[in-house]
Amino acid sequence: DDTAVYYCATSRTVILSNVASQTAYAYWGQGTQVTVS
């Protein structure tokens, strides 16, 4: 169940209470596939 596309993201304006929200991040990588059999 860890199988997914993993993305990294960053922002200088993320506040602690909002770190789990996608909309808090301005910049995103392209993703890398992780498949667990």
PDB file of all heavy atoms in Angstrom:
ATOM      1  N   ASP A   1       0.807  -1.224   0.000  1.00  0.00           N
ATOM      2  CA  ASP A   1       0.000   0.000   0.000  1.00  0.00           C
ATOM      3  C   ASP A   1       0.840   1.273   0.000  1.00  0.00           C
ATOM      4  O   ASP A   1       0.293   2.376   0.012  1.00  0.00           O
ATOM      5  CB  ASP A   1      -1.011   0.012   1.147  1.00  0.00           C
ATOM      6  CG  ASP A   1      -0.368  -0.032   2.516  1.00  0.00           C
ATOM      7  OD1 ASP A   1       0.871  -0.099   2.603  1.00  0.00           O
ATOM      8  OD2 ASP A   1      -1.112   0.006   3.513  1.00  0.00           O
ATOM      9  N   ASP A   2       2.156   1.141  -0.025  1.00  0.00           N
ATOM     10  CA  ASP A   2       3.036   2.300  -0.240  1.00  0.00           C
ATOM     11  C   ASP A   2       3.220   2.579  -1.729  1.00  0.00           C
ATOM     12  O   ASP A   2       3.842   3.593  -2.090  1.00  0.00           O
ATOM     13  CB  ASP A   2       4.411   2.065   0.391  1.00  0.00           C
ATOM     14  CG  ASP A   2       4.363   2.002   1.910  1.00  0.00           C
ATOM     15  OD1 ASP A   2       3.659   2.832   2.507  1.00  0.00           O
ATOM     16  OD2 ASP A   2       5.034   1.115   2.482  1.00  0.00           O
ATOM     17  N   THR A   3       2.706   1.705  -2.579  1.00  0.00           N
ATOM     18  CA  THR A   3       2.831   1.895  -4.016  1.00  0.00           C
ATOM     19  C   THR A   3       2.128   3.179  -4.447  1.00  0.00           C
ATOM     20  O   THR A   3       0.953   3.384  -4.154  1.00  0.00           O
ATOM     21  CB  THR A   3       2.226   0.699  -4.769  1.00  0.00           C
ATOM     22  OG1 THR A   3       3.014  -0.467  -4.477  1.00  0.00           O
ATOM     23  CG2 THR A   3       2.219   0.935  -6.266  1.00  0.00           C
ATOM     24  N   ALA A   4       2.885   4.047  -5.124  1.00  0.00           N
ATOM     25  CA  ALA A   4       2.350   5.345  -5.531  1.00  0.00           C
ATOM     26  C   ALA A   4       3.416   6.084  -6.326  1.00  0.00           C
ATOM     27  O   ALA A   4       4.578   5.674  -6.361  1.00  0.00           O
ATOM     28  CB  ALA A   4       1.963   6.182  -4.309  1.00  0.00           C
ATOM     29  N   VAL A   5       3.001   7.179  -6.929  1.00  0.00           N
ATOM     30  CA  VAL A   5       3.957   8.155  -7.450  1.00  0.00           C
ATOM     31  C   VAL A   5       4.265   9.125  -6.317  1.00  0.00           C
ATOM     32  O   VAL A   5       3.349   9.684  -5.706  1.00  0.00           O
ATOM     33  CB  VAL A   5       3.411   8.902  -8.669  1.00  0.00           C
ATOM     34  CG1 VAL A   5       4.421   9.948  -9.136  1.00  0.00           C
ATOM     35  CG2 VAL A   5       3.091   7.933  -9.792  1.00  0.00           C
ATOM     36  N   TYR A   6       5.547   9.302  -6.039  1.00  0.00           N
ATOM     37  CA  TYR A   6       5.985  10.167  -4.950  1.00  0.00           C
ATOM     38  C   TYR A   6       6.473  11.488  -5.528  1.00  0.00           C
ATOM     39  O   TYR A   6       7.291  11.513  -6.454  1.00  0.00           O
ATOM     40  CB  TYR A   6       7.086   9.491  -4.158  1.00  0.00           C
ATOM     41  CG  TYR A   6       6.572   8.415  -3.239  1.00  0.00           C
ATOM     42  CD1 TYR A   6       6.066   7.215  -3.750  1.00  0.00           C
ATOM     43  CD2 TYR A   6       6.552   8.599  -1.862  1.00  0.00           C
ATOM     44  CE1 TYR A   6       5.563   6.227  -2.919  1.00  0.00           C
ATOM     45  CE2 TYR A   6       6.060   7.611  -1.003  1.00  0.00           C
ATOM     46  CZ  TYR A   6       5.567   6.439  -1.551  1.00  0.00           C
ATOM     47  OH  TYR A   6       5.065   5.471  -0.718  1.00  0.00           O
ATOM     48  N   TYR A   7       5.980  12.567  -4.933  1.00  0.00           N
ATOM     49  CA  TYR A   7       6.312  13.910  -5.380  1.00  0.00           C
ATOM     50  C   TYR A   7       6.979  14.687  -4.243  1.00  0.00           C
ATOM     51  O   TYR A   7       6.556  14.584  -3.090  1.00  0.00           O
ATOM     52  CB  TYR A   7       5.060  14.684  -5.788  1.00  0.00           C
ATOM     53  CG  TYR A   7       4.282  14.098  -6.927  1.00  0.00           C
ATOM     54  CD1 TYR A   7       3.281  13.158  -6.705  1.00  0.00           C
ATOM     55  CD2 TYR A   7       4.540  14.482  -8.245  1.00  0.00           C
ATOM     56  CE1 TYR A   7       2.556  12.617  -7.751  1.00  0.00           C
ATOM     57  CE2 TYR A   7       3.817  13.946  -9.307  1.00  0.00           C
ATOM     58  CZ  TYR A   7       2.829  13.017  -9.042  1.00  0.00           C
ATOM     59  OH  TYR A   7       2.110  12.490 -10.085  1.00  0.00           O
ATOM     60  N   CYS A   8       7.985  15.482  -4.580  1.00  0.00           N
ATOM     61  CA  CYS A   8       8.509  16.419  -3.601  1.00  0.00           C
ATOM     62  C   CYS A   8       8.000  17.826  -3.931  1.00  0.00           C
ATOM     63  O   CYS A   8       7.687  18.126  -5.090  1.00  0.00           O
ATOM     64  CB  CYS A   8      10.025  16.399  -3.534  1.00  0.00           C
ATOM     65  SG  CYS A   8      10.908  16.770  -5.068  1.00  0.00           S
ATOM     66  N   ALA A   9       7.898  18.620  -2.899  1.00  0.00           N
ATOM     67  CA  ALA A   9       7.358  19.964  -3.047  1.00  0.00           C
ATOM     68  C   ALA A   9       8.013  20.885  -2.029  1.00  0.00           C
ATOM     69  O   ALA A   9       8.470  20.427  -0.979  1.00  0.00           O
ATOM     70  CB  ALA A   9       5.843  19.954  -2.852  1.00  0.00           C
ATOM     71  N   THR A  10       8.030  22.164  -2.341  1.00  0.00           N
ATOM     72  CA  THR A  10       8.658  23.097  -1.413  1.00  0.00           C
ATOM     73  C   THR A  10       8.007  24.462  -1.487  1.00  0.00           C
ATOM     74  O   THR A  10       7.364  24.819  -2.482  1.00  0.00           O
ATOM     75  CB  THR A  10      10.167  23.223  -1.709  1.00  0.00           C
ATOM     76  OG1 THR A  10      10.792  23.960  -0.649  1.00  0.00           O
ATOM     77  CG2 THR A  10      10.421  23.952  -3.030  1.00  0.00           C
ATOM     78  N   SER A  11       8.146  25.185  -0.402  1.00  0.00           N
ATOM     79  CA  SER A  11       7.683  26.563  -0.361  1.00  0.00           C
ATOM     80  C   SER A  11       8.325  27.248   0.836  1.00  0.00           C
ATOM     81  O   SER A  11       8.608  26.601   1.848  1.00  0.00           O
ATOM     82  CB  SER A  11       6.161  26.626  -0.242  1.00  0.00           C
ATOM     83  OG  SER A  11       5.731  27.964  -0.128  1.00  0.00           O
ATOM     84  N   ARG A  12       8.507  28.549   0.739  1.00  0.00           N
ATOM     85  CA  ARG A  12       9.032  29.333   1.873  1.00  0.00           C
ATOM     86  C   ARG A  12       7.911  29.889   2.724  1.00  0.00           C
ATOM     87  O   ARG A  12       8.188  30.478   3.780  1.00  0.00           O
ATOM     88  CB  ARG A  12       9.909  30.475   1.358  1.00  0.00           C
ATOM     89  CG  ARG A  12      11.194  30.008   0.736  1.00  0.00           C
ATOM     90  CD  ARG A  12      12.093  31.145   0.330  1.00  0.00           C
ATOM     91  NE  ARG A  12      13.359  30.652  -0.185  1.00  0.00           N
ATOM     92  CZ  ARG A  12      14.333  31.419  -0.616  1.00  0.00           C
ATOM     93  NH1 ARG A  12      14.198  32.731  -0.587  1.00  0.00           N
ATOM     94  NH2 ARG A  12      15.449  30.883  -1.057  1.00  0.00           N
ATOM     95  N   THR A  13       6.673  29.700   2.279  1.00  0.00           N
ATOM     96  CA  THR A  13       5.555  30.326   2.998  1.00  0.00           C
ATOM     97  C   THR A  13       4.652  29.319   3.695  1.00  0.00           C
ATOM     98  O   THR A  13       3.575  29.671   4.151  1.00  0.00           O
ATOM     99  CB  THR A  13       4.709  31.168   2.025  1.00  0.00           C
ATOM    100  OG1 THR A  13       4.203  30.314   0.992  1.00  0.00           O
ATOM    101  CG2 THR A  13       5.543  32.275   1.405  1.00  0.00           C
ATOM    102  N   VAL A  14       5.098  28.074   3.786  1.00  0.00           N
ATOM    103  CA  VAL A  14       4.275  27.059   4.455  1.00  0.00           C
ATOM    104  C   VAL A  14       4.309  27.303   5.959  1.00  0.00           C
ATOM    105  O   VAL A  14       5.378  27.427   6.552  1.00  0.00           O
ATOM    106  CB  VAL A  14       4.804  25.648   4.170  1.00  0.00           C
ATOM    107  CG1 VAL A  14       3.918  24.604   4.845  1.00  0.00           C
ATOM    108  CG2 VAL A  14       4.876  25.388   2.683  1.00  0.00           C
ATOM    109  N   ILE A  15       3.134  27.342   6.580  1.00  0.00           N
ATOM    110  CA  ILE A  15       3.086  27.467   8.028  1.00  0.00           C
ATOM    111  C   ILE A  15       2.872  26.082   8.629  1.00  0.00           C
ATOM    112  O   ILE A  15       2.342  25.180   7.975  1.00  0.00           O
ATOM    113  CB  ILE A  15       1.985  28.446   8.477  1.00  0.00           C
ATOM    114  CG1 ILE A  15       0.612  27.994   7.978  1.00  0.00           C
ATOM    115  CG2 ILE A  15       2.295  29.846   7.973  1.00  0.00           C
ATOM    116  CD1 ILE A  15      -0.529  28.864   8.468  1.00  0.00           C
ATOM    117  N   LEU A  16       3.259  25.950   9.877  1.00  0.00           N
ATOM    118  CA  LEU A  16       3.283  24.645  10.525  1.00  0.00           C
ATOM    119  C   LEU A  16       1.916  23.962  10.490  1.00  0.00           C
ATOM    120  O   LEU A  16       1.828  22.750  10.291  1.00  0.00           O
ATOM    121  CB  LEU A  16       3.771  24.789  11.961  1.00  0.00           C
ATOM    122  CG  LEU A  16       4.083  23.489  12.697  1.00  0.00           C
ATOM    123  CD1 LEU A  16       5.158  22.696  11.959  1.00  0.00           C
ATOM    124  CD2 LEU A  16       4.529  23.789  14.114  1.00  0.00           C
ATOM    125  N   SER A  17       0.859  24.726  10.655  1.00  0.00           N
ATOM    126  CA  SER A  17      -0.482  24.142  10.716  1.00  0.00           C
ATOM    127  C   SER A  17      -0.976  23.678   9.352  1.00  0.00           C
ATOM    128  O   SER A  17      -2.020  23.037   9.260  1.00  0.00           O
ATOM    129  CB  SER A  17      -1.468  25.167  11.291  1.00  0.00           C
ATOM    130  OG  SER A  17      -1.521  26.311  10.462  1.00  0.00           O
ATOM    131  N   ASN A  18      -0.242  23.986   8.299  1.00  0.00           N
ATOM    132  CA  ASN A  18      -0.703  23.705   6.944  1.00  0.00           C
ATOM    133  C   ASN A  18       0.240  22.800   6.161  1.00  0.00           C
ATOM    134  O   ASN A  18       0.088  22.663   4.948  1.00  0.00           O
ATOM    135  CB  ASN A  18      -0.880  25.027   6.195  1.00  0.00           C
ATOM    136  CG  ASN A  18      -2.011  24.958   5.191  1.00  0.00           C
ATOM    137  OD1 ASN A  18      -2.947  24.198   5.351  1.00  0.00           O
ATOM    138  ND2 ASN A  18      -1.909  25.752   4.142  1.00  0.00           N
ATOM    139  N   VAL A  19       1.185  22.169   6.822  1.00  0.00           N
ATOM    140  CA  VAL A  19       2.234  21.432   6.101  1.00  0.00           C
ATOM    141  C   VAL A  19       1.693  20.242   5.321  1.00  0.00           C
ATOM    142  O   VAL A  19       2.327  19.800   4.364  1.00  0.00           O
ATOM    143  CB  VAL A  19       3.346  20.958   7.054  1.00  0.00           C
ATOM    144  CG1 VAL A  19       4.093  22.135   7.639  1.00  0.00           C
ATOM    145  CG2 VAL A  19       2.804  20.026   8.123  1.00  0.00           C
ATOM    146  N   ALA A  20       0.548  19.723   5.706  1.00  0.00           N
ATOM    147  CA  ALA A  20       0.008  18.541   5.033  1.00  0.00           C
ATOM    148  C   ALA A  20      -0.900  18.877   3.855  1.00  0.00           C
ATOM    149  O   ALA A  20      -1.452  17.975   3.222  1.00  0.00           O
ATOM    150  CB  ALA A  20      -0.760  17.687   6.027  1.00  0.00           C
ATOM    151  N   SER A  21      -1.044  20.133   3.547  1.00  0.00           N
ATOM    152  CA  SER A  21      -1.926  20.562   2.474  1.00  0.00           C
ATOM    153  C   SER A  21      -1.146  20.799   1.192  1.00  0.00           C
ATOM    154  O   SER A  21      -0.166  21.547   1.177  1.00  0.00           O
ATOM    155  CB  SER A  21      -2.646  21.852   2.874  1.00  0.00           C
ATOM    156  OG  SER A  21      -3.367  22.369   1.772  1.00  0.00           O
ATOM    157  N   GLN A  22      -1.615  20.202   0.103  1.00  0.00           N
ATOM    158  CA  GLN A  22      -0.946  20.389  -1.188  1.00  0.00           C
ATOM    159  C   GLN A  22      -0.890  21.852  -1.587  1.00  0.00           C
ATOM    160  O   GLN A  22       0.099  22.309  -2.175  1.00  0.00           O
ATOM    161  CB  GLN A  22      -1.709  19.658  -2.292  1.00  0.00           C
ATOM    162  CG  GLN A  22      -1.793  18.180  -2.206  1.00  0.00           C
ATOM    163  CD  GLN A  22      -2.549  17.646  -3.404  1.00  0.00           C
ATOM    164  OE1 GLN A  22      -2.174  17.872  -4.552  1.00  0.00           O
ATOM    165  NE2 GLN A  22      -3.622  16.919  -3.136  1.00  0.00           N
ATOM    166  N   THR A  23      -1.948  22.569  -1.279  1.00  0.00           N
ATOM    167  CA  THR A  23      -2.051  23.963  -1.746  1.00  0.00           C
ATOM    168  C   THR A  23      -1.054  24.885  -1.068  1.00  0.00           C
ATOM    169  O   THR A  23      -0.869  26.020  -1.494  1.00  0.00           O
ATOM    170  CB  THR A  23      -3.473  24.497  -1.525  1.00  0.00           C
ATOM    171  OG1 THR A  23      -3.780  24.415  -0.129  1.00  0.00           O
ATOM    172  CG2 THR A  23      -4.491  23.686  -2.311  1.00  0.00           C
ATOM    173  N   ALA A  24      -0.391  24.399  -0.017  1.00  0.00           N
ATOM    174  CA  ALA A  24       0.598  25.221   0.685  1.00  0.00           C
ATOM    175  C   ALA A  24       1.932  25.294  -0.039  1.00  0.00           C
ATOM    176  O   ALA A  24       2.779  26.108   0.307  1.00  0.00           O
ATOM    177  CB  ALA A  24       0.802  24.680   2.096  1.00  0.00           C
ATOM    178  N   TYR A  25       2.118  24.468  -1.052  1.00  0.00           N
ATOM    179  CA  TYR A  25       3.422  24.354  -1.708  1.00  0.00           C
ATOM    180  C   TYR A  25       3.378  24.936  -3.115  1.00  0.00           C
ATOM    181  O   TYR A  25       2.498  24.618  -3.907  1.00  0.00           O
ATOM    182  CB  TYR A  25       3.863  22.893  -1.742  1.00  0.00           C
ATOM    183  CG  TYR A  25       4.062  22.345  -0.363  1.00  0.00           C
ATOM    184  CD1 TYR A  25       3.005  21.766   0.334  1.00  0.00           C
ATOM    185  CD2 TYR A  25       5.295  22.435   0.279  1.00  0.00           C
ATOM    186  CE1 TYR A  25       3.161  21.302   1.621  1.00  0.00           C
ATOM    187  CE2 TYR A  25       5.463  21.962   1.565  1.00  0.00           C
ATOM    188  CZ  TYR A  25       4.391  21.397   2.232  1.00  0.00           C
ATOM    189  OH  TYR A  25       4.559  20.939   3.511  1.00  0.00           O
ATOM    190  N   ALA A  26       4.373  25.771  -3.404  1.00  0.00           N
ATOM    191  CA  ALA A  26       4.385  26.486  -4.676  1.00  0.00           C
ATOM    192  C   ALA A  26       5.123  25.730  -5.777  1.00  0.00           C
ATOM    193  O   ALA A  26       4.840  25.922  -6.961  1.00  0.00           O
ATOM    194  CB  ALA A  26       5.036  27.850  -4.483  1.00  0.00           C
ATOM    195  N   TYR A  27       6.077  24.906  -5.389  1.00  0.00           N
ATOM    196  CA  TYR A  27       6.942  24.250  -6.371  1.00  0.00           C
ATOM    197  C   TYR A  27       6.891  22.739  -6.190  1.00  0.00           C
ATOM    198  O   TYR A  27       6.980  22.245  -5.061  1.00  0.00           O
ATOM    199  CB  TYR A  27       8.384  24.750  -6.227  1.00  0.00           C
ATOM    200  CG  TYR A  27       8.496  26.245  -6.337  1.00  0.00           C
ATOM    201  CD1 TYR A  27       8.585  27.036  -5.194  1.00  0.00           C
ATOM    202  CD2 TYR A  27       8.496  26.872  -7.583  1.00  0.00           C
ATOM    203  CE1 TYR A  27       8.672  28.411  -5.286  1.00  0.00           C
ATOM    204  CE2 TYR A  27       8.581  28.254  -7.675  1.00  0.00           C
ATOM    205  CZ  TYR A  27       8.669  29.019  -6.525  1.00  0.00           C
ATOM    206  OH  TYR A  27       8.747  30.378  -6.623  1.00  0.00           O
ATOM    207  N   TRP A  28       6.781  22.029  -7.318  1.00  0.00           N
ATOM    208  CA  TRP A  28       6.626  20.578  -7.300  1.00  0.00           C
ATOM    209  C   TRP A  28       7.605  19.930  -8.268  1.00  0.00           C
ATOM    210  O   TRP A  28       7.877  20.467  -9.350  1.00  0.00           O
ATOM    211  CB  TRP A  28       5.206  20.193  -7.700  1.00  0.00           C
ATOM    212  CG  TRP A  28       4.194  20.538  -6.666  1.00  0.00           C
ATOM    213  CD1 TRP A  28       3.619  21.762  -6.452  1.00  0.00           C
ATOM    214  CD2 TRP A  28       3.649  19.654  -5.685  1.00  0.00           C
ATOM    215  NE1 TRP A  28       2.755  21.680  -5.388  1.00  0.00           N
ATOM    216  CE2 TRP A  28       2.740  20.403  -4.905  1.00  0.00           C
ATOM    217  CE3 TRP A  28       3.821  18.300  -5.393  1.00  0.00           C
ATOM    218  CZ2 TRP A  28       2.029  19.849  -3.848  1.00  0.00           C
ATOM    219  CZ3 TRP A  28       3.113  17.757  -4.352  1.00  0.00           C
ATOM    220  CH2 TRP A  28       2.232  18.519  -3.586  1.00  0.00           C
ATOM    221  N   GLY A  29       8.092  18.748  -7.868  1.00  0.00           N
ATOM    222  CA  GLY A  29       8.870  17.939  -8.789  1.00  0.00           C
ATOM    223  C   GLY A  29       7.949  17.110  -9.661  1.00  0.00           C
ATOM    224  O   GLY A  29       6.728  17.115  -9.501  1.00  0.00           O
ATOM    225  N   GLN A  30       8.534  16.341 -10.558  1.00  0.00           N
ATOM    226  CA  GLN A  30       7.762  15.611 -11.554  1.00  0.00           C
ATOM    227  C   GLN A  30       7.244  14.271 -11.059  1.00  0.00           C
ATOM    228  O   GLN A  30       6.417  13.667 -11.717  1.00  0.00           O
ATOM    229  CB  GLN A  30       8.614  15.370 -12.818  1.00  0.00           C
ATOM    230  CG  GLN A  30       9.512  14.149 -12.771  1.00  0.00           C
ATOM    231  CD  GLN A  30      10.691  14.290 -11.821  1.00  0.00           C
ATOM    232  OE1 GLN A  30      10.877  15.298 -11.146  1.00  0.00           O
ATOM    233  NE2 GLN A  30      11.508  13.242 -11.760  1.00  0.00           N
ATOM    234  N   GLY A  31       7.716  13.792  -9.931  1.00  0.00           N
ATOM    235  CA  GLY A  31       7.256  12.521  -9.397  1.00  0.00           C
ATOM    236  C   GLY A  31       8.147  11.365  -9.782  1.00  0.00           C
ATOM    237  O   GLY A  31       8.757  11.353 -10.854  1.00  0.00           O
ATOM    238  N   THR A  32       8.200  10.381  -8.885  1.00  0.00           N
ATOM    239  CA  THR A  32       8.959   9.166  -9.145  1.00  0.00           C
ATOM    240  C   THR A  32       8.123   7.985  -8.664  1.00  0.00           C
ATOM    241  O   THR A  32       7.535   8.024  -7.591  1.00  0.00           O
ATOM    242  CB  THR A  32      10.347   9.210  -8.462  1.00  0.00           C
ATOM    243  OG1 THR A  32      11.100   8.048  -8.805  1.00  0.00           O
ATOM    244  CG2 THR A  32      10.243   9.325  -6.947  1.00  0.00           C
ATOM    245  N   GLN A  33       8.049   6.949  -9.481  1.00  0.00           N
ATOM    246  CA  GLN A  33       7.164   5.813  -9.204  1.00  0.00           C
ATOM    247  C   GLN A  33       7.817   4.847  -8.222  1.00  0.00           C
ATOM    248  O   GLN A  33       8.960   4.426  -8.420  1.00  0.00           O
ATOM    249  CB  GLN A  33       6.839   5.068 -10.502  1.00  0.00           C
ATOM    250  CG  GLN A  33       6.015   3.807 -10.315  1.00  0.00           C
ATOM    251  CD  GLN A  33       4.585   4.090  -9.913  1.00  0.00           C
ATOM    252  OE1 GLN A  33       3.917   4.939 -10.502  1.00  0.00           O
ATOM    253  NE2 GLN A  33       4.082   3.375  -8.899  1.00  0.00           N
ATOM    254  N   VAL A  34       7.065   4.497  -7.197  1.00  0.00           N
ATOM    255  CA  VAL A  34       7.476   3.460  -6.251  1.00  0.00           C
ATOM    256  C   VAL A  34       6.450   2.340  -6.322  1.00  0.00           C
ATOM    257  O   VAL A  34       5.259   2.581  -6.138  1.00  0.00           O
ATOM    258  CB  VAL A  34       7.567   4.013  -4.816  1.00  0.00           C
ATOM    259  CG1 VAL A  34       7.798   2.882  -3.823  1.00  0.00           C
ATOM    260  CG2 VAL A  34       8.671   5.051  -4.716  1.00  0.00           C
ATOM    261  N   THR A  35       6.919   1.128  -6.597  1.00  0.00           N
ATOM    262  CA  THR A  35       6.031  -0.020  -6.678  1.00  0.00           C
ATOM    263  C   THR A  35       6.541  -1.092  -5.721  1.00  0.00           C
ATOM    264  O   THR A  35       7.694  -1.492  -5.803  1.00  0.00           O
ATOM    265  CB  THR A  35       5.975  -0.584  -8.101  1.00  0.00           C
ATOM    266  OG1 THR A  35       5.559   0.449  -9.009  1.00  0.00           O
ATOM    267  CG2 THR A  35       4.999  -1.750  -8.181  1.00  0.00           C
ATOM    268  N   VAL A  36       5.659  -1.503  -4.815  1.00  0.00           N
ATOM    269  CA  VAL A  36       6.019  -2.517  -3.823  1.00  0.00           C
ATOM    270  C   VAL A  36       5.204  -3.772  -4.116  1.00  0.00           C
ATOM    271  O   VAL A  36       3.968  -3.738  -4.070  1.00  0.00           O
ATOM    272  CB  VAL A  36       5.762  -2.026  -2.397  1.00  0.00           C
ATOM    273  CG1 VAL A  36       6.249  -3.069  -1.387  1.00  0.00           C
ATOM    274  CG2 VAL A  36       6.441  -0.689  -2.157  1.00  0.00           C
ATOM    275  N   SER A  37       5.886  -4.855  -4.402  1.00  0.00           N
ATOM    276  CA  SER A  37       5.199  -6.103  -4.725  1.00  0.00           C
ATOM    277  C   SER A  37       5.051  -6.967  -3.474  1.00  0.00           C
ATOM    278  O   SER A  37       5.894  -6.936  -2.577  1.00  0.00           O
ATOM    279  CB  SER A  37       5.983  -6.861  -5.790  1.00  0.00           C
ATOM    280  OG  SER A  37       7.263  -7.215  -5.303  1.00  0.00           O
TER     281      SER A  37
END
